[in-house]
Every structure is written in C-alpha cells, then in structure tokens.
C-alpha cells in the first residue's frame, strides 16, 4: 500500500492500517533503536514509546513523496532514543576505563567490508553509551557535531572527541576480529 494512503488510514484511526504500519517498519526501527541503546530490551521500550507518539501525532504528518513516512517515523525514533539516553544521563558520560584513548590508527573501508554486518553492528552496539550515541548520530544519521551537542546537552568539542574515540575503538575491535578470523 502507498505510504500516503496508509498514513491517511492511520490518521482516521483504522486499526488494521496501524497494524500494517507497525508491521512494515518495526523491524528496521527496532534495529535502529538497538544501535542507539545497545540493548534489544531497551530498544523495544523505545520503539513502543515511539509508536505511541507516531499514532498520536500521525495527523500532523505531511506526505512529501515516497519514503517520507518512514523518514518521519525514523526521526521520531531517533529523538526518542536521544531522550532515552538523556533520561539515563548516559549520552555525555564515559567511564574512566572507557575514556582512555584507544589506538589512533584507523582502518580503510576495505577492512570494514570484510566484517559481517551483524558482527559490525554488535561492535557498534557495544560501544560505551556516549560514544555509541555520537557515532550513530554523526556517522550514520548525518548530524553535525553542533547539532549533536545540542541534542545531547554536551559541548560540540565533546561530540567530536567522542566520535573520534568511538572510531578508534571500533578500529581496534575490527583489527582484533580480523586478526582472529582473518
């Protein structure tokens, strides 16, 4: 079914349309939530809260072409993930153990391509909370460090630093994986 029609049916309160919308996007959005929270259970909670928001505000959705409904819902989930991190004061804090700077040598894209997607996702999910949030927002979702700072209540330089450290940690983990499995 076309997104516009599905959104209109959901706005009218048609239960079947709401179910279709959920079934269509829940899997991808759960993966997104897991990337941010690092936990499937937490991601399920975030997803539930997000869909409550989606269904309560679907009347404000404005169709802008194919993919706009998913983009709108995805933004709600990202915002809810950021709220989840803030509520737990986990977006801007890194333990002293995790604050050490890992090796600064980065990998090229070819090395990353050798890692199965599920392993790479698990590596990202296992980053410390603050690093993971900044990495997802910057590298995957395309926010600037200034925007990330505002979203997470941290300084722009802290965002940049956490992103660098997240990349370095991932590089170390990828090197270790390739050493063991290469």
C-alpha atoms as a PDB file:
ATOM      1  CA  UNK A   1       0.000   0.000   0.000  1.00  0.00           C
ATOM      2  CA  UNK A   2       1.185   3.527  -0.730  1.00  0.00           C
ATOM      3  CA  UNK A   3       2.559   5.458   2.250  1.00  0.00           C
ATOM      4  CA  UNK A   4       0.157   8.357   1.793  1.00  0.00           C
ATOM      5  CA  UNK A   5      -2.893   6.098   1.917  1.00  0.00           C
ATOM      6  CA  UNK A   6      -1.530   4.185   4.884  1.00  0.00           C
ATOM      7  CA  UNK A   7      -0.891   7.407   6.812  1.00  0.00           C
ATOM      8  CA  UNK A   8      -4.364   8.721   5.981  1.00  0.00           C
ATOM      9  CA  UNK A   9      -5.980   5.480   7.144  1.00  0.00           C
ATOM     10  CA  UNK A  10      -3.957   5.578  10.373  1.00  0.00           C
ATOM     11  CA  UNK A  11      -4.992   9.201  10.925  1.00  0.00           C
ATOM     12  CA  UNK A  12      -8.620   8.084  10.649  1.00  0.00           C
ATOM     13  CA  UNK A  13      -7.925   5.558  13.401  1.00  0.00           C
ATOM     14  CA  UNK A  14      -8.219   2.399  11.300  1.00  0.00           C
ATOM     15  CA  UNK A  15      -6.713  -0.325  13.463  1.00  0.00           C
ATOM     16  CA  UNK A  16      -5.758  -2.524  10.521  1.00  0.00           C
ATOM     17  CA  UNK A  17      -3.804   0.341   8.954  1.00  0.00           C
ATOM     18  CA  UNK A  18      -1.994   0.989  12.230  1.00  0.00           C
ATOM     19  CA  UNK A  19      -1.075  -2.692  12.385  1.00  0.00           C
ATOM     20  CA  UNK A  20       0.179  -2.590   8.775  1.00  0.00           C
ATOM     21  CA  UNK A  21       2.253   0.498   9.519  1.00  0.00           C
ATOM     22  CA  UNK A  22       3.784  -1.144  12.567  1.00  0.00           C
ATOM     23  CA  UNK A  23       4.480  -4.413  10.752  1.00  0.00           C
ATOM     24  CA  UNK A  24       6.027  -2.584   7.812  1.00  0.00           C
ATOM     25  CA  UNK A  25       8.567  -0.558   9.786  1.00  0.00           C
ATOM     26  CA  UNK A  26       9.022  -2.113  13.239  1.00  0.00           C
ATOM     27  CA  UNK A  27      11.892  -4.414  12.298  1.00  0.00           C
ATOM     28  CA  UNK A  28      14.085  -1.690  10.832  1.00  0.00           C
ATOM     29  CA  UNK A  29      13.224   0.698  13.630  1.00  0.00           C
ATOM     30  CA  UNK A  30      13.998  -1.899  16.288  1.00  0.00           C
ATOM     31  CA  UNK A  31      17.445  -2.306  14.737  1.00  0.00           C
ATOM     32  CA  UNK A  32      17.852   1.482  14.817  1.00  0.00           C
ATOM     33  CA  UNK A  33      16.827   1.599  18.474  1.00  0.00           C
ATOM     34  CA  UNK A  34      19.211  -1.218  19.339  1.00  0.00           C
ATOM     35  CA  UNK A  35      22.048   0.688  17.686  1.00  0.00           C
ATOM     36  CA  UNK A  36      21.366   3.634  19.983  1.00  0.00           C
ATOM     37  CA  UNK A  37      20.501   1.882  23.236  1.00  0.00           C
ATOM     38  CA  UNK A  38      22.833  -1.103  22.944  1.00  0.00           C
ATOM     39  CA  UNK A  39      20.094  -3.412  24.206  1.00  0.00           C
ATOM     40  CA  UNK A  40      17.192  -5.102  22.464  1.00  0.00           C
ATOM     41  CA  UNK A  41      15.016  -4.800  25.571  1.00  0.00           C
ATOM     42  CA  UNK A  42      15.649  -1.053  25.820  1.00  0.00           C
ATOM     43  CA  UNK A  43      15.130  -0.688  22.087  1.00  0.00           C
ATOM     44  CA  UNK A  44      11.755  -2.431  22.379  1.00  0.00           C
ATOM     45  CA  UNK A  45      10.743   0.066  25.083  1.00  0.00           C
ATOM     46  CA  UNK A  46      11.886   2.979  22.910  1.00  0.00           C
ATOM     47  CA  UNK A  47      10.046   1.527  19.916  1.00  0.00           C
ATOM     48  CA  UNK A  48       6.825   1.182  21.909  1.00  0.00           C
ATOM     49  CA  UNK A  49       7.078   4.784  23.119  1.00  0.00           C
ATOM     50  CA  UNK A  50       7.876   5.907  19.583  1.00  0.00           C
ATOM     51  CA  UNK A  51       4.842   4.221  18.058  1.00  0.00           C
ATOM     52  CA  UNK A  52       2.613   5.750  20.720  1.00  0.00           C
ATOM     53  CA  UNK A  53       3.963   9.115  19.562  1.00  0.00           C
ATOM     54  CA  UNK A  54       3.545   8.138  15.884  1.00  0.00           C
ATOM     55  CA  UNK A  55      -0.078   7.115  16.284  1.00  0.00           C
ATOM     56  CA  UNK A  56      -0.962  10.101  18.451  1.00  0.00           C
ATOM     57  CA  UNK A  57       0.552  12.600  16.018  1.00  0.00           C
ATOM     58  CA  UNK A  58       0.072  10.942  12.616  1.00  0.00           C
ATOM     59  CA  UNK A  59      -2.443  13.649  11.750  1.00  0.00           C
ATOM     60  CA  UNK A  60       0.442  16.132  11.609  1.00  0.00           C
ATOM     61  CA  UNK A  61       2.390  14.031   9.091  1.00  0.00           C
ATOM     62  CA  UNK A  62       2.705  15.672   5.677  1.00  0.00           C
ATOM     63  CA  UNK A  63       3.417  13.403   2.735  1.00  0.00           C
ATOM     64  CA  UNK A  64       6.426  14.640   0.732  1.00  0.00           C
ATOM     65  CA  UNK A  65       6.975  11.728  -1.595  1.00  0.00           C
ATOM     66  CA  UNK A  66       7.861   8.071  -1.351  1.00  0.00           C
ATOM     67  CA  UNK A  67       9.873   7.363   1.784  1.00  0.00           C
ATOM     68  CA  UNK A  68       8.696  10.426   3.672  1.00  0.00           C
ATOM     69  CA  UNK A  69       6.516   8.427   6.078  1.00  0.00           C
ATOM     70  CA  UNK A  70       9.406   6.176   7.062  1.00  0.00           C
ATOM     71  CA  UNK A  71      11.708   9.199   7.384  1.00  0.00           C
ATOM     72  CA  UNK A  72       9.168  10.919   9.647  1.00  0.00           C
ATOM     73  CA  UNK A  73       8.769   7.853  11.855  1.00  0.00           C
ATOM     74  CA  UNK A  74      12.520   7.239  11.888  1.00  0.00           C
ATOM     75  CA  UNK A  75      13.099  10.768  13.181  1.00  0.00           C
ATOM     76  CA  UNK A  76      10.624  10.151  15.995  1.00  0.00           C
ATOM     77  CA  UNK A  77      12.547   7.000  16.955  1.00  0.00           C
ATOM     78  CA  UNK A  78      15.921   8.791  16.844  1.00  0.00           C
ATOM     79  CA  UNK A  79      14.534  11.593  19.014  1.00  0.00           C
ATOM     80  CA  UNK A  80      13.106   9.064  21.475  1.00  0.00           C
ATOM     81  CA  UNK A  81      16.477   7.258  21.600  1.00  0.00           C
ATOM     82  CA  UNK A  82      18.217  10.545  22.387  1.00  0.00           C
ATOM     83  CA  UNK A  83      15.624  11.211  25.103  1.00  0.00           C
ATOM     84  CA  UNK A  84      16.232   7.704  26.471  1.00  0.00           C
ATOM     85  CA  UNK A  85      19.975   8.404  26.677  1.00  0.00           C
ATOM     86  CA  UNK A  86      19.414  11.807  28.292  1.00  0.00           C
ATOM     87  CA  UNK A  87      16.952  10.411  30.830  1.00  0.00           C
ATOM     88  CA  UNK A  88      19.594   7.986  31.959  1.00  0.00           C
ATOM     89  CA  UNK A  89      22.318  10.650  31.770  1.00  0.00           C
ATOM     90  CA  UNK A  90      24.223   8.278  29.535  1.00  0.00           C
ATOM     91  CA  UNK A  91      24.801  10.393  26.441  1.00  0.00           C
ATOM     92  CA  UNK A  92      27.523  12.598  27.778  1.00  0.00           C
ATOM     93  CA  UNK A  93      29.260  10.370  30.270  1.00  0.00           C
ATOM     94  CA  UNK A  94      32.055   7.918  29.700  1.00  0.00           C
ATOM     95  CA  UNK A  95      33.611   5.910  32.492  1.00  0.00           C
ATOM     96  CA  UNK A  96      37.278   6.482  33.270  1.00  0.00           C
ATOM     97  CA  UNK A  97      38.017   2.983  31.970  1.00  0.00           C
ATOM     98  CA  UNK A  98      36.406   3.846  28.630  1.00  0.00           C
ATOM     99  CA  UNK A  99      37.909   7.335  28.440  1.00  0.00           C
ATOM    100  CA  UNK A 100      41.387   6.096  27.638  1.00  0.00           C
ATOM    101  CA  UNK A 101      42.276   6.836  24.045  1.00  0.00           C
ATOM    102  CA  UNK A 102      42.460   3.650  22.016  1.00  0.00           C
ATOM    103  CA  UNK A 103      44.986   3.276  19.236  1.00  0.00           C
ATOM    104  CA  UNK A 104      44.542   6.118  16.823  1.00  0.00           C
ATOM    105  CA  UNK A 105      45.240   4.202  13.652  1.00  0.00           C
ATOM    106  CA  UNK A 106      42.093   3.920  11.608  1.00  0.00           C
ATOM    107  CA  UNK A 107      41.223   1.213   9.114  1.00  0.00           C
ATOM    108  CA  UNK A 108      40.443   1.597   5.474  1.00  0.00           C
ATOM    109  CA  UNK A 109      36.991   0.780   4.125  1.00  0.00           C
ATOM    110  CA  UNK A 110      38.199  -2.486   2.572  1.00  0.00           C
ATOM    111  CA  UNK A 111      38.941  -3.934   6.019  1.00  0.00           C
ATOM    112  CA  UNK A 112      35.497  -2.967   7.285  1.00  0.00           C
ATOM    113  CA  UNK A 113      33.908  -4.639   4.254  1.00  0.00           C
ATOM    114  CA  UNK A 114      35.389  -7.964   5.432  1.00  0.00           C
ATOM    115  CA  UNK A 115      33.356  -7.883   8.647  1.00  0.00           C
ATOM    116  CA  UNK A 116      29.875  -9.459   8.551  1.00  0.00           C
ATOM    117  CA  UNK A 117      27.162  -6.832   9.092  1.00  0.00           C
ATOM    118  CA  UNK A 118      25.817  -8.455  12.260  1.00  0.00           C
ATOM    119  CA  UNK A 119      29.317  -8.514  13.815  1.00  0.00           C
ATOM    120  CA  UNK A 120      29.922  -4.880  12.877  1.00  0.00           C
ATOM    121  CA  UNK A 121      26.524  -3.903  14.320  1.00  0.00           C
ATOM    122  CA  UNK A 122      27.361  -5.725  17.544  1.00  0.00           C
ATOM    123  CA  UNK A 123      30.656  -3.824  17.716  1.00  0.00           C
ATOM    124  CA  UNK A 124      28.812  -0.507  17.406  1.00  0.00           C
ATOM    125  CA  UNK A 125      26.196  -1.583  19.966  1.00  0.00           C
ATOM    126  CA  UNK A 126      28.926  -2.497  22.452  1.00  0.00           C
ATOM    127  CA  UNK A 127      30.491   0.982  22.422  1.00  0.00           C
ATOM    128  CA  UNK A 128      30.121   2.975  25.656  1.00  0.00           C
ATOM    129  CA  UNK A 129      26.788   4.829  25.686  1.00  0.00           C
ATOM    130  CA  UNK A 130      28.122   8.309  24.907  1.00  0.00           C
ATOM    131  CA  UNK A 131      30.410   7.083  22.140  1.00  0.00           C
ATOM    132  CA  UNK A 132      27.644   4.980  20.618  1.00  0.00           C
ATOM    133  CA  UNK A 133      25.172   7.856  20.622  1.00  0.00           C
ATOM    134  CA  UNK A 134      27.584  10.286  18.989  1.00  0.00           C
ATOM    135  CA  UNK A 135      28.799   7.697  16.482  1.00  0.00           C
ATOM    136  CA  UNK A 136      25.248   6.875  15.410  1.00  0.00           C
ATOM    137  CA  UNK A 137      24.167  10.494  15.195  1.00  0.00           C
ATOM    138  CA  UNK A 138      27.234  11.639  13.257  1.00  0.00           C
ATOM    139  CA  UNK A 139      28.387   8.709  11.123  1.00  0.00           C
ATOM    140  CA  UNK A 140      25.070   7.059  10.398  1.00  0.00           C
ATOM    141  CA  UNK A 141      22.387   9.726  10.762  1.00  0.00           C
ATOM    142  CA  UNK A 142      24.429  12.650   9.450  1.00  0.00           C
ATOM    143  CA  UNK A 143      24.021  15.216  12.220  1.00  0.00           C
ATOM    144  CA  UNK A 144      26.751  17.808  12.743  1.00  0.00           C
ATOM    145  CA  UNK A 145      28.701  17.911  15.995  1.00  0.00           C
ATOM    146  CA  UNK A 146      26.980  21.200  16.804  1.00  0.00           C
ATOM    147  CA  UNK A 147      23.552  19.566  16.382  1.00  0.00           C
ATOM    148  CA  UNK A 148      24.644  16.538  18.394  1.00  0.00           C
ATOM    149  CA  UNK A 149      25.895  18.760  21.191  1.00  0.00           C
ATOM    150  CA  UNK A 150      22.518  20.474  21.409  1.00  0.00           C
ATOM    151  CA  UNK A 151      20.621  17.196  21.260  1.00  0.00           C
ATOM    152  CA  UNK A 152      22.688  15.508  23.952  1.00  0.00           C
ATOM    153  CA  UNK A 153      23.429  18.545  26.106  1.00  0.00           C
ATOM    154  CA  UNK A 154      27.192  18.308  25.572  1.00  0.00           C
ATOM    155  CA  UNK A 155      29.756  20.640  24.026  1.00  0.00           C
ATOM    156  CA  UNK A 156      30.441  20.463  20.305  1.00  0.00           C
ATOM    157  CA  UNK A 157      34.080  19.550  21.025  1.00  0.00           C
ATOM    158  CA  UNK A 158      32.933  16.736  23.317  1.00  0.00           C
ATOM    159  CA  UNK A 159      30.855  15.340  20.486  1.00  0.00           C
ATOM    160  CA  UNK A 160      33.816  15.491  18.127  1.00  0.00           C
ATOM    161  CA  UNK A 161      36.104  13.883  20.692  1.00  0.00           C
ATOM    162  CA  UNK A 162      33.655  11.099  21.486  1.00  0.00           C
ATOM    163  CA  UNK A 163      33.208  10.409  17.768  1.00  0.00           C
ATOM    164  CA  UNK A 164      36.972  10.146  17.277  1.00  0.00           C
ATOM    165  CA  UNK A 165      37.300   7.794  20.237  1.00  0.00           C
ATOM    166  CA  UNK A 166      34.358   5.694  19.030  1.00  0.00           C
ATOM    167  CA  UNK A 167      36.016   5.314  15.629  1.00  0.00           C
ATOM    168  CA  UNK A 168      39.319   4.401  17.233  1.00  0.00           C
ATOM    169  CA  UNK A 169      37.660   1.805  19.494  1.00  0.00           C
ATOM    170  CA  UNK A 170      35.850   0.325  16.505  1.00  0.00           C
ATOM    171  CA  UNK A 171      39.110   0.226  14.547  1.00  0.00           C
ATOM    172  CA  UNK A 172      40.759  -1.681  17.412  1.00  0.00           C
ATOM    173  CA  UNK A 173      37.866  -4.133  17.590  1.00  0.00           C
ATOM    174  CA  UNK A 174      37.865  -4.645  13.827  1.00  0.00           C
ATOM    175  CA  UNK A 175      41.626  -5.265  13.810  1.00  0.00           C
ATOM    176  CA  UNK A 176      41.213  -7.787  16.618  1.00  0.00           C
ATOM    177  CA  UNK A 177      38.378  -9.531  14.770  1.00  0.00           C
ATOM    178  CA  UNK A 178      40.396  -9.698  11.561  1.00  0.00           C
ATOM    179  CA  UNK A 179      43.428 -10.998  13.465  1.00  0.00           C
ATOM    180  CA  UNK A 180      41.361 -13.789  14.988  1.00  0.00           C
ATOM    181  CA  UNK A 181      39.177 -14.561  11.979  1.00  0.00           C
ATOM    182  CA  UNK A 182      41.183 -13.305   9.012  1.00  0.00           C
END
